[in-house]
Amino acid sequence: MNIDRARQILRSDETITVMLDGSPVWIESVDKSGLARVNSLDGRGKVKSVHVLDLTEA
């Protein structure tokens, strides 16, 4: 995923499914260097920073 698309998803009123390594995540923020802070939706509540290129839209 590119930075612009990640930001569009972040601002969207719709729920858009985003995956990281096959698991769904919620994008919390995206910085100008392309790092996204994501929250795991698998029930563990794990938050981490990843590059937007590692994210895919389902």
Protein backbone atom coordinates (compact mmCIF):
# COMPACT_ATOMS: atom_id res chain seq x y z
CA MET A 1 0.00 0.00 0.00
CA ASN A 2 1.26 3.53 -0.61
CA ILE A 3 1.19 6.45 1.83
CA ASP A 4 -1.65 8.26 0.06
CA ARG A 5 -3.95 5.22 0.15
CA ALA A 6 -3.14 4.57 3.82
CA ARG A 7 -4.08 8.18 4.62
CA GLN A 8 -7.30 7.89 2.59
CA ILE A 9 -8.25 4.79 4.58
CA LEU A 10 -7.40 6.55 7.84
CA ARG A 11 -9.70 9.50 6.95
CA SER A 12 -12.50 7.36 5.52
CA ASP A 13 -15.88 7.12 7.22
CA GLU A 14 -16.13 3.56 5.92
CA THR A 15 -14.53 0.52 7.49
CA ILE A 16 -11.90 -0.72 5.04
CA THR A 17 -10.19 -4.01 5.76
CA VAL A 18 -6.40 -3.71 5.94
CA MET A 19 -4.13 -6.69 6.42
CA LEU A 20 -0.62 -7.11 7.81
CA ASP A 21 0.93 -10.54 7.25
CA GLY A 22 -2.52 -12.09 6.81
CA SER A 23 -4.03 -10.56 9.95
CA PRO A 24 -6.49 -7.64 10.04
CA VAL A 25 -5.26 -4.35 11.51
CA TRP A 26 -6.66 -0.89 12.17
CA ILE A 27 -4.54 2.07 11.02
CA GLU A 28 -4.12 4.49 13.93
CA SER A 29 -1.82 6.98 12.16
CA VAL A 30 0.54 7.44 9.22
CA ASP A 31 3.58 9.70 9.33
CA LYS A 32 5.28 11.45 6.41
CA SER A 33 8.09 8.88 6.26
CA GLY A 34 5.57 6.11 5.54
CA LEU A 35 5.40 4.50 8.97
CA ALA A 36 1.94 3.47 10.06
CA ARG A 37 0.93 2.81 13.64
CA VAL A 38 -1.45 -0.13 13.50
CA ASN A 39 -3.57 -1.94 16.05
CA SER A 40 -4.05 -5.68 15.66
CA LEU A 41 -7.72 -6.72 15.39
CA ASP A 42 -7.10 -10.34 16.38
CA GLY A 43 -8.19 -9.69 19.95
CA ARG A 44 -4.74 -9.14 21.40
CA GLY A 45 -4.80 -5.34 21.06
CA LYS A 46 -1.17 -5.30 19.99
CA VAL A 47 -0.02 -1.92 18.57
CA LYS A 48 3.08 -1.58 16.43
CA SER A 49 4.70 0.59 13.78
CA VAL A 50 5.16 -0.81 10.29
CA HIS A 51 5.91 0.62 6.87
CA VAL A 52 2.79 1.20 4.77
CA LEU A 53 4.34 -0.97 2.04
CA ASP A 54 3.80 -3.94 4.38
CA LEU A 55 0.03 -3.29 4.48
CA THR A 56 -2.48 -4.63 1.97
CA GLU A 57 -6.10 -3.77 1.35
CA ALA A 58 -8.39 -6.78 1.50
